[in-house]
Amino acid sequence: MKLSRERAEQLALEYVNKDKNENFKLVLLGVEVSEISPQYWAATFEVRTSEGHILEGPLLILIDDELEKAMSLDEAVEAHLANIDN
């Protein structure tokens, strides 16, 4: 892995905070090397209401170690499928 855990965490936080909403917040639970693919870091978040109640979770954000880019699971799957076609 070329990214440090701290840098992967920073990228994940930047990704989830780009479209902040005052009605809920994302709370980082942890960042680990993905068990699915060692190409990714996996950051897990809980979605909480502004009062602190859990709304959803865990939410998975993947950080591509090579591209140094955070993305949703859906975005990662789409990118993977696009690369297969090429």
N, C-alpha and C. Protein backbone atom coordinates (compact mmCIF):
# COMPACT_ATOMS: atom_id res chain seq x y z
N MET A 1 0.85 -1.17 0.00
CA MET A 1 0.00 0.00 0.00
C MET A 1 0.90 1.24 0.00
N LYS A 2 0.61 2.13 -0.91
CA LYS A 2 1.42 3.35 -0.94
C LYS A 2 0.83 4.45 -0.06
N LEU A 3 -0.49 4.41 0.17
CA LEU A 3 -1.11 5.39 1.06
C LEU A 3 -0.97 4.94 2.51
N SER A 4 -0.78 5.89 3.38
CA SER A 4 -0.81 5.57 4.81
C SER A 4 -2.27 5.51 5.25
N ARG A 5 -2.52 4.88 6.37
CA ARG A 5 -3.87 4.82 6.93
C ARG A 5 -4.39 6.25 7.17
N GLU A 6 -3.52 7.12 7.65
CA GLU A 6 -3.92 8.50 7.94
C GLU A 6 -4.33 9.23 6.67
N ARG A 7 -3.60 9.03 5.58
CA ARG A 7 -3.95 9.69 4.31
C ARG A 7 -5.25 9.11 3.76
N ALA A 8 -5.44 7.80 3.86
CA ALA A 8 -6.68 7.18 3.41
C ALA A 8 -7.86 7.74 4.21
N GLU A 9 -7.67 7.90 5.52
CA GLU A 9 -8.72 8.47 6.37
C GLU A 9 -9.04 9.90 5.94
N GLN A 10 -8.00 10.69 5.67
CA GLN A 10 -8.19 12.07 5.24
C GLN A 10 -8.99 12.13 3.93
N LEU A 11 -8.65 11.28 2.97
CA LEU A 11 -9.37 11.25 1.69
C LEU A 11 -10.83 10.85 1.88
N ALA A 12 -11.08 9.89 2.75
CA ALA A 12 -12.45 9.45 3.03
C ALA A 12 -13.25 10.58 3.67
N LEU A 13 -12.65 11.27 4.63
CA LEU A 13 -13.35 12.38 5.29
C LEU A 13 -13.63 13.53 4.32
N GLU A 14 -12.68 13.83 3.46
CA GLU A 14 -12.90 14.87 2.44
C GLU A 14 -14.06 14.47 1.53
N TYR A 15 -14.12 13.20 1.15
CA TYR A 15 -15.17 12.71 0.27
C TYR A 15 -16.54 12.85 0.91
N VAL A 16 -16.69 12.41 2.15
CA VAL A 16 -18.01 12.46 2.78
C VAL A 16 -18.41 13.87 3.21
N ASN A 17 -17.44 14.75 3.40
CA ASN A 17 -17.76 16.10 3.84
C ASN A 17 -17.97 17.09 2.70
N LYS A 18 -17.79 16.64 1.45
CA LYS A 18 -17.94 17.58 0.33
C LYS A 18 -19.38 18.04 0.15
N ASP A 19 -20.35 17.24 0.55
CA ASP A 19 -21.76 17.61 0.44
C ASP A 19 -22.42 17.52 1.81
N LYS A 20 -21.92 18.30 2.75
CA LYS A 20 -22.44 18.25 4.12
C LYS A 20 -23.92 18.61 4.15
N ASN A 21 -24.63 18.03 5.11
CA ASN A 21 -26.04 18.28 5.31
C ASN A 21 -26.26 18.55 6.79
N GLU A 22 -27.01 19.58 7.10
CA GLU A 22 -27.21 19.94 8.51
C GLU A 22 -28.13 18.96 9.24
N ASN A 23 -28.84 18.09 8.51
CA ASN A 23 -29.77 17.15 9.13
C ASN A 23 -29.11 15.86 9.60
N PHE A 24 -27.92 15.57 9.08
CA PHE A 24 -27.21 14.36 9.50
C PHE A 24 -25.71 14.56 9.38
N LYS A 25 -24.97 13.69 10.03
CA LYS A 25 -23.51 13.74 9.95
C LYS A 25 -22.99 12.31 9.83
N LEU A 26 -21.83 12.19 9.26
CA LEU A 26 -21.17 10.90 9.11
C LEU A 26 -20.06 10.81 10.14
N VAL A 27 -20.09 9.74 10.92
CA VAL A 27 -19.11 9.53 11.98
C VAL A 27 -18.19 8.38 11.56
N LEU A 28 -16.91 8.66 11.47
CA LEU A 28 -15.94 7.65 11.07
C LEU A 28 -15.79 6.59 12.15
N LEU A 29 -15.94 5.33 11.75
CA LEU A 29 -15.76 4.20 12.67
C LEU A 29 -14.37 3.62 12.58
N GLY A 30 -13.79 3.60 11.36
CA GLY A 30 -12.46 3.05 11.21
C GLY A 30 -12.03 2.98 9.76
N VAL A 31 -10.73 2.79 9.57
CA VAL A 31 -10.14 2.65 8.23
C VAL A 31 -9.21 1.45 8.25
N GLU A 32 -9.45 0.52 7.35
CA GLU A 32 -8.65 -0.71 7.27
C GLU A 32 -8.38 -1.03 5.80
N VAL A 33 -7.38 -1.85 5.55
CA VAL A 33 -7.18 -2.37 4.20
C VAL A 33 -8.38 -3.25 3.88
N SER A 34 -8.94 -3.08 2.71
CA SER A 34 -10.15 -3.82 2.33
C SER A 34 -9.89 -5.32 2.29
N GLU A 35 -10.85 -6.08 2.79
CA GLU A 35 -10.77 -7.54 2.71
C GLU A 35 -11.18 -8.02 1.33
N ILE A 36 -11.86 -7.19 0.57
CA ILE A 36 -12.33 -7.55 -0.77
C ILE A 36 -11.18 -7.47 -1.78
N SER A 37 -10.42 -6.37 -1.70
CA SER A 37 -9.30 -6.16 -2.62
C SER A 37 -8.24 -5.32 -1.94
N PRO A 38 -6.99 -5.79 -1.95
CA PRO A 38 -5.91 -5.02 -1.33
C PRO A 38 -5.58 -3.73 -2.08
N GLN A 39 -6.27 -3.49 -3.20
CA GLN A 39 -6.11 -2.23 -3.94
C GLN A 39 -6.78 -1.08 -3.21
N TYR A 40 -7.68 -1.41 -2.28
CA TYR A 40 -8.49 -0.39 -1.61
C TYR A 40 -8.29 -0.37 -0.10
N TRP A 41 -8.44 0.82 0.44
CA TRP A 41 -8.67 1.01 1.86
C TRP A 41 -10.18 1.07 2.03
N ALA A 42 -10.70 0.60 3.13
CA ALA A 42 -12.13 0.65 3.41
C ALA A 42 -12.37 1.51 4.64
N ALA A 43 -13.13 2.58 4.47
CA ALA A 43 -13.49 3.46 5.59
C ALA A 43 -14.97 3.23 5.89
N THR A 44 -15.28 2.97 7.15
CA THR A 44 -16.67 2.75 7.53
C THR A 44 -17.16 3.92 8.36
N PHE A 45 -18.41 4.30 8.09
CA PHE A 45 -19.04 5.43 8.76
C PHE A 45 -20.42 5.04 9.26
N GLU A 46 -20.86 5.69 10.31
CA GLU A 46 -22.25 5.64 10.73
C GLU A 46 -22.89 6.96 10.30
N VAL A 47 -24.13 6.88 9.84
CA VAL A 47 -24.89 8.08 9.52
C VAL A 47 -25.75 8.39 10.74
N ARG A 48 -25.57 9.57 11.30
CA ARG A 48 -26.30 9.97 12.51
C ARG A 48 -27.10 11.24 12.26
N THR A 49 -28.24 11.32 12.92
CA THR A 49 -29.04 12.53 12.85
C THR A 49 -28.31 13.65 13.58
N SER A 50 -28.78 14.87 13.41
CA SER A 50 -28.15 16.00 14.09
C SER A 50 -28.25 15.86 15.61
N GLU A 51 -29.22 15.04 16.09
CA GLU A 51 -29.36 14.77 17.53
C GLU A 51 -28.44 13.64 17.99
N GLY A 52 -27.77 12.97 17.06
CA GLY A 52 -26.84 11.91 17.41
C GLY A 52 -27.38 10.50 17.31
N HIS A 53 -28.61 10.33 16.84
CA HIS A 53 -29.20 8.99 16.70
C HIS A 53 -28.70 8.32 15.41
N ILE A 54 -28.45 7.03 15.49
CA ILE A 54 -27.99 6.30 14.30
C ILE A 54 -29.13 6.21 13.30
N LEU A 55 -28.86 6.68 12.10
CA LEU A 55 -29.84 6.65 11.02
C LEU A 55 -29.56 5.48 10.10
N GLU A 56 -28.29 5.23 9.85
CA GLU A 56 -27.87 4.17 8.93
C GLU A 56 -26.42 3.83 9.22
N GLY A 57 -26.07 2.62 8.87
CA GLY A 57 -24.66 2.27 9.00
C GLY A 57 -24.48 0.78 9.11
N PRO A 58 -23.32 0.32 8.88
CA PRO A 58 -22.19 1.14 8.44
C PRO A 58 -22.26 1.45 6.94
N LEU A 59 -21.77 2.62 6.61
CA LEU A 59 -21.65 3.07 5.23
C LEU A 59 -20.19 2.88 4.84
N LEU A 60 -19.96 2.24 3.70
CA LEU A 60 -18.60 1.93 3.27
C LEU A 60 -18.13 2.90 2.20
N ILE A 61 -16.98 3.49 2.42
CA ILE A 61 -16.31 4.33 1.41
C ILE A 61 -14.98 3.66 1.12
N LEU A 62 -14.69 3.46 -0.17
CA LEU A 62 -13.44 2.83 -0.57
C LEU A 62 -12.46 3.90 -1.05
N ILE A 63 -11.19 3.71 -0.73
CA ILE A 63 -10.14 4.61 -1.18
C ILE A 63 -9.18 3.79 -2.04
N ASP A 64 -9.11 4.14 -3.32
CA ASP A 64 -8.24 3.45 -4.25
C ASP A 64 -6.80 3.84 -3.93
N ASP A 65 -5.98 2.87 -3.58
CA ASP A 65 -4.61 3.14 -3.17
C ASP A 65 -3.77 3.67 -4.33
N GLU A 66 -3.99 3.18 -5.53
CA GLU A 66 -3.21 3.62 -6.69
C GLU A 66 -3.63 5.02 -7.15
N LEU A 67 -4.95 5.26 -7.23
CA LEU A 67 -5.46 6.54 -7.71
C LEU A 67 -5.53 7.61 -6.61
N GLU A 68 -5.38 7.17 -5.35
CA GLU A 68 -5.51 8.06 -4.20
C GLU A 68 -6.83 8.82 -4.29
N LYS A 69 -7.91 8.04 -4.47
CA LYS A 69 -9.24 8.62 -4.67
C LYS A 69 -10.26 7.86 -3.84
N ALA A 70 -11.11 8.59 -3.13
CA ALA A 70 -12.19 7.98 -2.36
C ALA A 70 -13.43 7.90 -3.24
N MET A 71 -14.23 6.84 -3.00
CA MET A 71 -15.45 6.64 -3.79
C MET A 71 -16.42 5.74 -3.03
N SER A 72 -17.66 5.82 -3.44
CA SER A 72 -18.66 4.93 -2.86
C SER A 72 -18.44 3.53 -3.41
N LEU A 73 -19.07 2.56 -2.80
CA LEU A 73 -18.98 1.19 -3.29
C LEU A 73 -19.53 1.10 -4.71
N ASP A 74 -20.64 1.78 -4.98
CA ASP A 74 -21.22 1.79 -6.33
C ASP A 74 -20.24 2.36 -7.36
N GLU A 75 -19.58 3.45 -7.01
CA GLU A 75 -18.60 4.06 -7.92
C GLU A 75 -17.43 3.11 -8.17
N ALA A 76 -16.99 2.40 -7.15
CA ALA A 76 -15.88 1.45 -7.30
C ALA A 76 -16.28 0.30 -8.22
N VAL A 77 -17.49 -0.20 -8.08
CA VAL A 77 -17.98 -1.28 -8.94
C VAL A 77 -18.07 -0.80 -10.38
N GLU A 78 -18.61 0.39 -10.59
CA GLU A 78 -18.72 0.94 -11.94
C GLU A 78 -17.33 1.11 -12.58
N ALA A 79 -16.37 1.60 -11.82
CA ALA A 79 -15.01 1.78 -12.34
C ALA A 79 -14.38 0.44 -12.68
N HIS A 80 -14.61 -0.55 -11.84
CA HIS A 80 -14.08 -1.88 -12.09
C HIS A 80 -14.68 -2.47 -13.37
N LEU A 81 -16.00 -2.34 -13.53
CA LEU A 81 -16.65 -2.87 -14.73
C LEU A 81 -16.20 -2.13 -15.98
N ALA A 82 -15.97 -0.83 -15.88
CA ALA A 82 -15.48 -0.06 -17.03
C ALA A 82 -14.09 -0.51 -17.43
N ASN A 83 -13.25 -0.86 -16.45
CA ASN A 83 -11.89 -1.33 -16.75
C ASN A 83 -11.90 -2.71 -17.39
N ILE A 84 -12.88 -3.53 -17.04
CA ILE A 84 -12.99 -4.85 -17.66
C ILE A 84 -13.32 -4.73 -19.14
N ASP A 85 -14.16 -3.76 -19.49
CA ASP A 85 -14.57 -3.55 -20.87
C ASP A 85 -13.45 -3.01 -21.73
N ASN A 86 -12.44 -2.39 -21.11
CA ASN A 86 -11.35 -1.79 -21.90
C ASN A 86 -10.25 -2.73 -22.16
